[in-house]
């Protein structure tokens, strides 16, 4: 159990809050595995290079992640006052979301399950 008054505990928790600019999309209709192929390509790159990679990547997840990266860049500019030229993708990851279960009719009265997977994608930027 934590020691101290509730307000003191909250104050300590908020003091340790991450100040790096980030953006998150929840319940994106793309599986974690497919999103990670695109995220691995932009991890560690500066934002202009990452946007170029995402623009010409043929995968469906790249269009979602491109919007997410543009949102993170806007957050860095407006909320943190950072320069776009110095920004780079420090962290990017996809976590598993809920799965929609659907049924596909098959021969002789059987039913196969189709799993439509979702993911929660996060992009964190930082300055060089």
N, C-alpha and C. Protein backbone atom coordinates (compact mmCIF):
# COMPACT_ATOMS: atom_id res chain seq x y z
N UNK A 1 0.85 -1.19 0.00
CA UNK A 1 0.00 0.00 0.00
C UNK A 1 0.89 1.24 0.00
N UNK A 2 0.46 2.26 -0.74
CA UNK A 2 1.24 3.49 -0.85
C UNK A 2 1.16 4.30 0.44
N UNK A 3 2.25 4.99 0.73
CA UNK A 3 2.28 5.81 1.94
C UNK A 3 1.95 7.26 1.59
N UNK A 4 1.34 7.98 2.53
CA UNK A 4 1.04 9.39 2.33
C UNK A 4 -0.42 9.61 2.00
N UNK A 5 -0.76 10.87 1.97
CA UNK A 5 -2.13 11.27 1.67
C UNK A 5 -2.40 11.11 0.18
N UNK A 6 -3.66 10.98 -0.19
CA UNK A 6 -4.05 10.77 -1.58
C UNK A 6 -3.55 11.88 -2.48
N UNK A 7 -3.64 13.14 -2.04
CA UNK A 7 -3.18 14.25 -2.87
C UNK A 7 -1.66 14.22 -3.05
N UNK A 8 -0.95 13.79 -2.04
CA UNK A 8 0.50 13.67 -2.13
C UNK A 8 0.90 12.58 -3.12
N UNK A 9 0.17 11.48 -3.09
CA UNK A 9 0.45 10.38 -4.02
C UNK A 9 0.19 10.83 -5.45
N UNK A 10 -0.91 11.56 -5.68
CA UNK A 10 -1.22 12.06 -7.02
C UNK A 10 -0.17 13.05 -7.50
N UNK A 11 0.30 13.90 -6.60
CA UNK A 11 1.32 14.90 -6.95
C UNK A 11 2.61 14.20 -7.40
N UNK A 12 3.00 13.15 -6.68
CA UNK A 12 4.21 12.41 -7.04
C UNK A 12 4.03 11.69 -8.38
N UNK A 13 2.84 11.13 -8.61
CA UNK A 13 2.58 10.43 -9.86
C UNK A 13 2.63 11.39 -11.04
N UNK A 14 2.06 12.59 -10.89
CA UNK A 14 2.06 13.56 -11.98
C UNK A 14 3.43 14.17 -12.21
N UNK A 15 4.30 14.19 -11.21
CA UNK A 15 5.64 14.72 -11.37
C UNK A 15 6.48 13.82 -12.27
N UNK A 16 6.16 12.52 -12.28
CA UNK A 16 6.92 11.57 -13.09
C UNK A 16 6.33 11.40 -14.50
N UNK A 17 5.42 12.27 -14.89
CA UNK A 17 4.73 12.13 -16.16
C UNK A 17 5.69 12.40 -17.34
N UNK A 18 5.51 11.63 -18.40
CA UNK A 18 6.35 11.75 -19.59
C UNK A 18 5.97 13.03 -20.35
N UNK A 19 6.96 13.88 -20.68
CA UNK A 19 6.68 15.14 -21.37
C UNK A 19 6.99 15.08 -22.86
N UNK A 20 7.40 13.92 -23.35
CA UNK A 20 7.69 13.81 -24.78
C UNK A 20 6.39 13.89 -25.58
N UNK A 21 6.43 14.53 -26.76
CA UNK A 21 5.22 14.60 -27.58
C UNK A 21 4.88 13.23 -28.15
N UNK A 22 3.60 12.90 -28.11
CA UNK A 22 3.18 11.59 -28.61
C UNK A 22 1.78 11.68 -29.18
N UNK A 23 1.39 10.61 -29.85
CA UNK A 23 0.02 10.48 -30.36
C UNK A 23 -0.33 9.00 -30.30
N UNK A 24 -1.60 8.72 -30.04
CA UNK A 24 -2.06 7.34 -29.89
C UNK A 24 -3.38 7.17 -30.61
N UNK A 25 -3.53 6.05 -31.28
CA UNK A 25 -4.81 5.68 -31.87
C UNK A 25 -5.24 4.37 -31.23
N UNK A 26 -6.47 4.35 -30.76
CA UNK A 26 -7.02 3.15 -30.14
C UNK A 26 -8.01 2.50 -31.11
N UNK A 27 -8.08 1.20 -31.05
CA UNK A 27 -9.03 0.42 -31.85
C UNK A 27 -8.84 0.60 -33.34
N UNK A 28 -7.58 0.65 -33.79
CA UNK A 28 -7.30 0.72 -35.23
C UNK A 28 -7.59 -0.65 -35.83
N UNK A 29 -8.30 -0.69 -36.95
CA UNK A 29 -8.70 -1.97 -37.54
C UNK A 29 -7.57 -2.56 -38.38
N UNK A 30 -6.45 -2.81 -37.73
CA UNK A 30 -5.32 -3.48 -38.36
C UNK A 30 -4.68 -4.34 -37.28
N UNK A 31 -4.20 -5.51 -37.65
CA UNK A 31 -3.62 -6.39 -36.64
C UNK A 31 -2.26 -5.85 -36.18
N UNK A 32 -1.84 -6.27 -35.02
CA UNK A 32 -0.57 -5.80 -34.44
C UNK A 32 0.59 -6.20 -35.33
N UNK A 33 0.55 -7.42 -35.84
CA UNK A 33 1.64 -7.93 -36.67
C UNK A 33 1.81 -7.08 -37.93
N UNK A 34 0.70 -6.73 -38.57
CA UNK A 34 0.76 -5.93 -39.80
C UNK A 34 1.19 -4.50 -39.53
N UNK A 35 0.77 -3.96 -38.38
CA UNK A 35 1.19 -2.60 -38.01
C UNK A 35 2.67 -2.55 -37.68
N UNK A 36 3.19 -3.61 -37.06
CA UNK A 36 4.60 -3.63 -36.65
C UNK A 36 5.55 -3.66 -37.85
N UNK A 37 5.13 -4.23 -38.97
CA UNK A 37 5.96 -4.19 -40.18
C UNK A 37 6.26 -2.76 -40.57
N UNK A 38 5.25 -1.89 -40.50
CA UNK A 38 5.41 -0.49 -40.87
C UNK A 38 6.16 0.27 -39.78
N UNK A 39 5.83 0.00 -38.51
CA UNK A 39 6.47 0.71 -37.41
C UNK A 39 7.97 0.44 -37.34
N UNK A 40 8.36 -0.79 -37.67
CA UNK A 40 9.79 -1.12 -37.66
C UNK A 40 10.56 -0.32 -38.70
N UNK A 41 9.89 0.05 -39.79
CA UNK A 41 10.56 0.79 -40.86
C UNK A 41 10.84 2.24 -40.47
N UNK A 42 10.04 2.82 -39.55
CA UNK A 42 10.22 4.25 -39.22
C UNK A 42 10.88 4.48 -37.87
N UNK A 43 11.05 3.45 -37.07
CA UNK A 43 11.61 3.62 -35.72
C UNK A 43 13.04 4.16 -35.80
N UNK A 44 13.30 5.28 -35.08
CA UNK A 44 14.63 5.88 -35.03
C UNK A 44 14.92 6.88 -36.13
N UNK A 45 14.05 6.99 -37.12
CA UNK A 45 14.26 7.91 -38.24
C UNK A 45 13.78 9.32 -37.87
N UNK A 46 14.33 10.34 -38.57
CA UNK A 46 13.79 11.69 -38.36
C UNK A 46 12.43 11.79 -39.05
N UNK A 47 11.62 12.76 -38.64
CA UNK A 47 10.21 12.75 -39.04
C UNK A 47 10.02 12.95 -40.55
N UNK A 48 10.90 13.73 -41.19
CA UNK A 48 10.74 13.94 -42.64
C UNK A 48 10.99 12.64 -43.41
N UNK A 49 12.00 11.89 -43.00
CA UNK A 49 12.28 10.59 -43.62
C UNK A 49 11.14 9.61 -43.36
N UNK A 50 10.65 9.61 -42.11
CA UNK A 50 9.56 8.71 -41.75
C UNK A 50 8.31 9.01 -42.55
N UNK A 51 7.98 10.29 -42.74
CA UNK A 51 6.81 10.65 -43.55
C UNK A 51 6.99 10.21 -45.00
N UNK A 52 8.21 10.33 -45.53
CA UNK A 52 8.48 9.85 -46.89
C UNK A 52 8.30 8.35 -47.02
N UNK A 53 8.77 7.61 -46.02
CA UNK A 53 8.62 6.15 -46.03
C UNK A 53 7.14 5.78 -45.99
N UNK A 54 6.38 6.45 -45.12
CA UNK A 54 4.96 6.12 -44.97
C UNK A 54 4.15 6.50 -46.21
N UNK A 55 4.54 7.58 -46.87
CA UNK A 55 3.81 8.03 -48.05
C UNK A 55 3.87 6.99 -49.17
N UNK A 56 5.04 6.38 -49.36
CA UNK A 56 5.21 5.46 -50.49
C UNK A 56 5.18 3.99 -50.08
N UNK A 57 4.80 3.69 -48.85
CA UNK A 57 4.66 2.31 -48.42
C UNK A 57 3.28 1.81 -48.86
N UNK A 58 3.20 0.67 -49.56
CA UNK A 58 1.91 0.22 -50.08
C UNK A 58 0.98 -0.42 -49.04
N UNK A 59 1.46 -0.70 -47.85
CA UNK A 59 0.64 -1.37 -46.85
C UNK A 59 -0.48 -0.46 -46.34
N UNK A 60 -1.61 -1.08 -45.94
CA UNK A 60 -2.76 -0.32 -45.43
C UNK A 60 -2.42 0.39 -44.13
N UNK A 61 -1.64 -0.25 -43.28
CA UNK A 61 -1.31 0.32 -41.97
C UNK A 61 -0.51 1.61 -42.10
N UNK A 62 0.22 1.79 -43.20
CA UNK A 62 1.04 2.99 -43.35
C UNK A 62 0.20 4.26 -43.44
N UNK A 63 -1.01 4.18 -44.01
CA UNK A 63 -1.88 5.36 -44.09
C UNK A 63 -2.36 5.77 -42.70
N UNK A 64 -2.66 4.79 -41.85
CA UNK A 64 -3.09 5.06 -40.48
C UNK A 64 -1.94 5.67 -39.68
N UNK A 65 -0.76 5.07 -39.81
CA UNK A 65 0.40 5.52 -39.03
C UNK A 65 0.88 6.88 -39.52
N UNK A 66 0.70 7.17 -40.81
CA UNK A 66 1.09 8.50 -41.33
C UNK A 66 0.25 9.59 -40.67
N UNK A 67 -1.06 9.38 -40.55
CA UNK A 67 -1.92 10.35 -39.88
C UNK A 67 -1.52 10.50 -38.42
N UNK A 68 -1.17 9.40 -37.79
CA UNK A 68 -0.77 9.40 -36.39
C UNK A 68 0.54 10.17 -36.20
N UNK A 69 1.50 9.98 -37.10
CA UNK A 69 2.77 10.70 -37.03
C UNK A 69 2.58 12.19 -37.24
N UNK A 70 1.71 12.56 -38.18
CA UNK A 70 1.41 13.98 -38.41
C UNK A 70 0.78 14.61 -37.17
N UNK A 71 -0.06 13.86 -36.48
CA UNK A 71 -0.67 14.34 -35.24
C UNK A 71 0.38 14.54 -34.15
N UNK A 72 1.32 13.60 -34.05
CA UNK A 72 2.39 13.71 -33.05
C UNK A 72 3.29 14.91 -33.35
N UNK A 73 3.54 15.18 -34.63
CA UNK A 73 4.35 16.35 -35.01
C UNK A 73 3.63 17.64 -34.63
N UNK A 74 2.31 17.70 -34.88
CA UNK A 74 1.53 18.87 -34.51
C UNK A 74 1.52 19.07 -33.00
N UNK A 75 1.43 17.96 -32.23
CA UNK A 75 1.49 18.05 -30.77
C UNK A 75 2.83 18.60 -30.30
N UNK A 76 3.91 18.18 -30.96
CA UNK A 76 5.25 18.65 -30.58
C UNK A 76 5.39 20.14 -30.84
N UNK A 77 4.84 20.59 -31.98
CA UNK A 77 4.92 22.02 -32.33
C UNK A 77 4.08 22.88 -31.40
N UNK A 78 2.81 22.51 -31.25
CA UNK A 78 1.86 23.38 -30.54
C UNK A 78 1.96 23.26 -29.03
N UNK A 79 2.09 22.05 -28.51
CA UNK A 79 2.06 21.86 -27.06
C UNK A 79 3.42 22.00 -26.41
N UNK A 80 4.48 21.54 -27.10
CA UNK A 80 5.81 21.55 -26.51
C UNK A 80 6.74 22.61 -27.09
N UNK A 81 6.34 23.26 -28.18
CA UNK A 81 7.15 24.31 -28.79
C UNK A 81 8.46 23.79 -29.38
N UNK A 82 8.45 22.59 -29.92
CA UNK A 82 9.66 21.99 -30.48
C UNK A 82 9.77 22.31 -31.97
N UNK A 83 11.00 22.27 -32.47
CA UNK A 83 11.25 22.51 -33.88
C UNK A 83 11.08 21.20 -34.66
N UNK A 84 10.39 21.27 -35.80
CA UNK A 84 10.11 20.08 -36.59
C UNK A 84 11.38 19.49 -37.18
N UNK A 85 12.38 20.36 -37.47
CA UNK A 85 13.61 19.89 -38.11
C UNK A 85 14.42 18.97 -37.21
N UNK A 86 14.28 19.11 -35.88
CA UNK A 86 15.08 18.32 -34.95
C UNK A 86 14.36 17.07 -34.44
N UNK A 87 13.10 16.89 -34.81
CA UNK A 87 12.32 15.76 -34.27
C UNK A 87 12.69 14.44 -34.94
N UNK A 88 12.61 13.37 -34.16
CA UNK A 88 12.77 12.02 -34.68
C UNK A 88 11.84 11.07 -33.93
N UNK A 89 11.58 9.92 -34.52
CA UNK A 89 10.69 8.93 -33.92
C UNK A 89 11.49 8.14 -32.89
N UNK A 90 11.24 8.42 -31.62
CA UNK A 90 11.99 7.73 -30.56
C UNK A 90 11.40 6.36 -30.26
N UNK A 91 10.08 6.31 -30.11
CA UNK A 91 9.40 5.04 -29.82
C UNK A 91 8.18 4.93 -30.72
N UNK A 92 7.88 3.73 -31.15
CA UNK A 92 6.61 3.46 -31.81
C UNK A 92 6.30 1.99 -31.60
N UNK A 93 5.09 1.73 -31.17
CA UNK A 93 4.72 0.35 -30.88
C UNK A 93 3.22 0.17 -31.06
N UNK A 94 2.83 -1.10 -31.19
CA UNK A 94 1.42 -1.46 -31.33
C UNK A 94 1.09 -2.50 -30.27
N UNK A 95 0.02 -2.25 -29.54
CA UNK A 95 -0.47 -3.19 -28.54
C UNK A 95 -1.74 -3.85 -29.03
N UNK A 96 -2.01 -5.04 -28.53
CA UNK A 96 -3.17 -5.81 -28.96
C UNK A 96 -4.45 -5.17 -28.43
N UNK A 97 -5.44 -5.04 -29.29
CA UNK A 97 -6.75 -4.54 -28.90
C UNK A 97 -7.74 -5.69 -28.89
N UNK A 98 -9.02 -5.38 -28.79
CA UNK A 98 -10.03 -6.45 -28.80
C UNK A 98 -10.15 -7.08 -30.20
N UNK A 99 -10.70 -8.27 -30.23
CA UNK A 99 -10.88 -9.00 -31.48
C UNK A 99 -12.36 -9.21 -31.73
N UNK A 100 -12.82 -8.84 -32.93
CA UNK A 100 -14.21 -9.10 -33.30
C UNK A 100 -14.29 -10.51 -33.88
N UNK A 101 -15.21 -11.30 -33.37
CA UNK A 101 -15.38 -12.67 -33.85
C UNK A 101 -16.54 -12.72 -34.84
N UNK A 102 -16.27 -13.27 -36.01
CA UNK A 102 -17.29 -13.42 -37.03
C UNK A 102 -17.33 -14.88 -37.48
N UNK A 103 -18.44 -15.27 -38.08
CA UNK A 103 -18.63 -16.67 -38.51
C UNK A 103 -18.71 -16.72 -40.03
N UNK A 104 -18.02 -17.70 -40.61
CA UNK A 104 -18.03 -17.94 -42.05
C UNK A 104 -18.66 -19.31 -42.29
N UNK A 105 -19.77 -19.37 -43.00
CA UNK A 105 -20.38 -20.68 -43.27
C UNK A 105 -19.49 -21.52 -44.18
N UNK A 106 -19.38 -22.81 -43.86
CA UNK A 106 -18.58 -23.73 -44.66
C UNK A 106 -19.44 -24.93 -45.05
N UNK A 107 -18.83 -25.86 -45.72
CA UNK A 107 -19.57 -27.02 -46.25
C UNK A 107 -20.11 -27.89 -45.12
N UNK A 108 -21.23 -28.58 -45.41
CA UNK A 108 -21.86 -29.56 -44.52
C UNK A 108 -22.25 -28.96 -43.17
N UNK A 109 -22.70 -27.69 -43.19
CA UNK A 109 -23.24 -27.07 -41.98
C UNK A 109 -22.21 -26.61 -40.96
N UNK A 110 -20.95 -26.68 -41.32
CA UNK A 110 -19.92 -26.23 -40.38
C UNK A 110 -19.80 -24.70 -40.42
N UNK A 111 -19.15 -24.17 -39.39
CA UNK A 111 -18.92 -22.73 -39.35
C UNK A 111 -17.48 -22.49 -38.93
N UNK A 112 -16.75 -21.70 -39.71
CA UNK A 112 -15.38 -21.33 -39.37
C UNK A 112 -15.40 -19.94 -38.74
N UNK A 113 -14.53 -19.75 -37.78
CA UNK A 113 -14.45 -18.44 -37.11
C UNK A 113 -13.45 -17.55 -37.85
N UNK A 114 -13.87 -16.31 -38.06
CA UNK A 114 -12.97 -15.29 -38.60
C UNK A 114 -12.72 -14.29 -37.48
N UNK A 115 -11.45 -13.99 -37.22
CA UNK A 115 -11.10 -13.04 -36.17
C UNK A 115 -10.61 -11.74 -36.81
N UNK A 116 -11.34 -10.66 -36.56
CA UNK A 116 -10.96 -9.36 -37.07
C UNK A 116 -10.26 -8.62 -35.94
N UNK A 117 -8.96 -8.54 -36.03
CA UNK A 117 -8.15 -8.02 -34.94
C UNK A 117 -8.01 -6.51 -34.99
N UNK A 118 -7.86 -5.92 -33.79
CA UNK A 118 -7.64 -4.48 -33.66
C UNK A 118 -6.37 -4.25 -32.87
N UNK A 119 -5.85 -3.02 -32.94
CA UNK A 119 -4.64 -2.70 -32.20
C UNK A 119 -4.68 -1.26 -31.72
N UNK A 120 -3.88 -0.98 -30.70
CA UNK A 120 -3.68 0.37 -30.18
C UNK A 120 -2.25 0.77 -30.56
N UNK A 121 -2.11 1.80 -31.39
CA UNK A 121 -0.80 2.19 -31.92
C UNK A 121 -0.36 3.50 -31.27
N UNK A 122 0.90 3.56 -30.83
CA UNK A 122 1.45 4.75 -30.18
C UNK A 122 2.74 5.16 -30.87
N UNK A 123 2.89 6.48 -31.09
CA UNK A 123 4.12 7.05 -31.65
C UNK A 123 4.61 8.13 -30.70
N UNK A 124 5.88 8.02 -30.27
CA UNK A 124 6.49 8.99 -29.35
C UNK A 124 7.67 9.63 -30.06
N UNK A 125 7.72 10.96 -30.07
CA UNK A 125 8.80 11.71 -30.71
C UNK A 125 9.73 12.31 -29.66
N UNK A 126 10.87 12.78 -30.12
CA UNK A 126 11.80 13.52 -29.25
C UNK A 126 12.70 14.38 -30.13
N UNK A 127 13.43 15.30 -29.50
CA UNK A 127 14.34 16.17 -30.23
C UNK A 127 15.75 15.61 -30.20
N UNK A 128 16.48 15.80 -31.30
CA UNK A 128 17.89 15.39 -31.32
C UNK A 128 18.73 16.46 -30.70
